[in-house]
Amino acid sequence: MITKRHARTAALTIAAAAALTFAGAGAAQAAPAIPLTGGQEAPKPNNFGAHGSFSYEIDDDLNEFCYTLDVTGLSAPATAAHVHVAPRNVPGPVVVPLVVPNETDFSVSGCTIVNNEALLDDIAANPGAYYVNVHNANNMPGEIRGQLK
């Protein structure tokens, strides 16, 4: 015999399971902690001591590119960071600007609106065609880089 309490509990359980199942339907997510190093940068930076990690999530419903960027040991404070389109070991144009502090060591998380749904779809479908890097005054083309995955 199903009581009202059991029926309500069962309904809430089913609703919660459905919410968890469909909550991520609009988001594409990269593997956590994409490594960033100077050895991946093109052209090669002046200094190789810095390193970092990058993770991101794409929310198709909101056209947002959300990210977390952790950086340690830059040779000068960061002046910019971007997602670029280009294969490994090749420089390419900026497609998504990222906001970073003017520091040599930092951890930052943020989201940016990307009004180009085709771009977000392509990053989600072909992440290896894109990379993220961090620029500074000593290494204007970039000091550390990591190919998305």
Protein backbone atom coordinates (compact mmCIF):
# COMPACT_ATOMS: atom_id res chain seq x y z
CA MET A 1 0.00 0.00 0.00
CA ILE A 2 1.37 3.40 -1.00
CA THR A 3 0.68 6.15 1.48
CA LYS A 4 0.63 9.86 0.59
CA ARG A 5 4.00 10.25 2.31
CA HIS A 6 5.59 7.44 0.28
CA ALA A 7 4.04 8.71 -2.94
CA ARG A 8 5.37 12.22 -2.27
CA THR A 9 8.84 10.87 -1.40
CA ALA A 10 8.87 8.75 -4.56
CA ALA A 11 7.76 11.72 -6.67
CA LEU A 12 10.48 13.94 -5.15
CA THR A 13 13.10 11.25 -5.71
CA ILE A 14 12.10 10.86 -9.37
CA ALA A 15 12.06 14.66 -9.85
CA ALA A 16 15.51 15.00 -8.26
CA ALA A 17 16.92 12.23 -10.44
CA ALA A 18 15.45 13.83 -13.55
CA ALA A 19 16.87 17.23 -12.58
CA LEU A 20 20.33 15.75 -12.12
CA THR A 21 20.08 13.91 -15.42
CA PHE A 22 19.07 16.98 -17.43
CA ALA A 23 20.90 19.72 -15.48
CA GLY A 24 24.07 19.32 -17.50
CA ALA A 25 22.33 18.96 -20.85
CA GLY A 26 23.24 22.52 -21.87
CA ALA A 27 26.86 22.38 -20.74
CA ALA A 28 29.95 20.92 -22.34
CA GLN A 29 32.87 20.41 -20.03
CA ALA A 30 36.56 19.82 -20.54
CA ALA A 31 38.67 17.37 -18.63
CA PRO A 32 39.84 19.13 -15.49
CA ALA A 33 43.29 20.66 -15.15
CA ILE A 34 44.63 21.14 -18.66
CA PRO A 35 48.35 21.76 -17.99
CA LEU A 36 49.90 25.05 -19.15
CA THR A 37 53.66 25.28 -19.68
CA GLY A 38 56.18 27.40 -21.53
CA GLY A 39 57.23 24.41 -23.59
CA GLN A 40 53.85 24.39 -25.34
CA GLU A 41 54.02 28.07 -26.30
CA ALA A 42 54.71 29.13 -29.92
CA PRO A 43 56.94 31.04 -30.35
CA LYS A 44 58.94 29.79 -27.37
CA PRO A 45 58.91 32.21 -24.42
CA ASN A 46 61.97 33.89 -22.90
CA ASN A 47 61.41 32.11 -19.58
CA PHE A 48 60.23 28.57 -18.82
CA GLY A 49 59.64 28.64 -15.06
CA ALA A 50 55.91 29.34 -15.10
CA HIS A 51 53.20 26.73 -15.14
CA GLY A 52 49.48 26.51 -14.61
CA SER A 53 46.25 24.69 -15.22
CA PHE A 54 43.02 25.54 -17.00
CA SER A 55 39.53 24.09 -16.91
CA TYR A 56 36.41 25.30 -18.66
CA GLU A 57 32.74 24.67 -19.19
CA ILE A 58 30.49 25.84 -22.01
CA ASP A 59 26.89 26.66 -21.19
CA ASP A 60 24.99 26.57 -24.49
CA ASP A 61 21.80 27.85 -22.89
CA LEU A 62 23.48 31.07 -21.70
CA ASN A 63 26.18 31.29 -24.42
CA GLU A 64 28.78 31.38 -21.65
CA PHE A 65 32.35 30.20 -21.62
CA CYS A 66 33.24 29.69 -17.94
CA TYR A 67 36.78 28.97 -16.81
CA THR A 68 39.20 28.53 -13.96
CA LEU A 69 42.82 29.48 -14.56
CA ASP A 70 45.59 28.80 -12.03
CA VAL A 71 49.04 30.27 -12.75
CA THR A 72 52.33 30.18 -10.83
CA GLY A 73 55.70 31.76 -11.53
CA LEU A 74 55.18 34.11 -14.47
CA SER A 75 58.30 36.16 -15.23
CA ALA A 76 56.20 39.36 -15.13
CA PRO A 77 52.59 40.12 -14.16
CA ALA A 78 49.96 38.82 -16.56
CA THR A 79 48.68 41.37 -19.05
CA ALA A 80 46.12 39.14 -20.79
CA ALA A 81 44.90 35.60 -21.33
CA HIS A 82 42.88 34.23 -24.22
CA VAL A 83 41.53 31.17 -25.94
CA HIS A 84 42.98 31.04 -29.47
CA VAL A 85 42.22 28.82 -32.45
CA ALA A 86 45.22 26.92 -33.81
CA PRO A 87 46.71 23.44 -33.68
CA ARG A 88 49.45 22.47 -31.26
CA ASN A 89 52.76 24.40 -31.69
CA VAL A 90 51.17 27.02 -33.97
CA PRO A 91 50.09 30.54 -32.93
CA GLY A 92 46.56 31.59 -33.83
CA PRO A 93 44.02 34.39 -33.46
CA VAL A 94 42.13 35.16 -30.25
CA VAL A 95 38.57 33.81 -30.13
CA VAL A 96 37.65 34.20 -26.43
CA PRO A 97 39.23 36.84 -24.16
CA LEU A 98 39.68 35.91 -20.49
CA VAL A 99 39.92 38.30 -17.54
CA VAL A 100 43.05 37.85 -15.40
CA PRO A 101 44.69 39.87 -12.63
CA ASN A 102 47.95 41.76 -13.21
CA GLU A 103 49.94 39.30 -11.05
CA THR A 104 52.59 36.60 -11.47
CA ASP A 105 50.73 34.01 -9.36
CA PHE A 106 46.95 33.79 -9.34
CA SER A 107 43.83 31.69 -9.44
CA VAL A 108 40.86 33.19 -11.23
CA SER A 109 37.43 31.94 -12.23
CA GLY A 110 34.99 33.73 -14.48
CA CYS A 111 32.50 33.53 -17.28
CA THR A 112 32.30 35.46 -20.51
CA ILE A 113 29.38 35.73 -22.90
CA VAL A 114 30.23 34.51 -26.40
CA ASN A 115 27.68 35.73 -28.94
CA ASN A 116 28.86 33.22 -31.52
CA GLU A 117 27.02 29.94 -30.98
CA ALA A 118 28.92 28.27 -33.83
CA LEU A 119 32.22 29.07 -32.08
CA LEU A 120 31.03 27.57 -28.79
CA ASP A 121 29.74 24.50 -30.62
CA ASP A 122 33.09 24.09 -32.40
CA ILE A 123 35.09 24.43 -29.17
CA ALA A 124 32.87 21.76 -27.61
CA ALA A 125 33.15 19.45 -30.64
CA ASN A 126 36.83 20.08 -31.49
CA PRO A 127 38.60 21.31 -28.33
CA GLY A 128 42.03 20.21 -29.59
CA ALA A 129 41.80 22.89 -32.29
CA TYR A 130 41.98 25.57 -29.56
CA TYR A 131 44.47 26.59 -26.89
CA VAL A 132 44.65 28.94 -23.94
CA ASN A 133 47.65 31.06 -23.08
CA VAL A 134 48.76 33.80 -20.70
CA HIS A 135 50.63 36.87 -21.92
CA ASN A 136 52.90 39.35 -20.11
CA ALA A 137 55.38 42.14 -20.89
CA ASN A 138 58.33 39.72 -21.04
CA ASN A 139 56.50 37.30 -23.33
CA MET A 140 53.95 39.25 -25.33
CA PRO A 141 52.99 36.30 -27.60
CA GLY A 142 52.49 34.22 -24.43
CA GLU A 143 54.51 32.70 -21.59
CA ILE A 144 52.47 29.55 -20.93
CA ARG A 145 50.05 27.63 -23.09
CA GLY A 146 47.88 24.53 -23.05
CA GLN A 147 45.88 22.86 -25.82
CA LEU A 148 42.23 22.33 -24.88
CA LYS A 149 40.87 18.82 -24.59
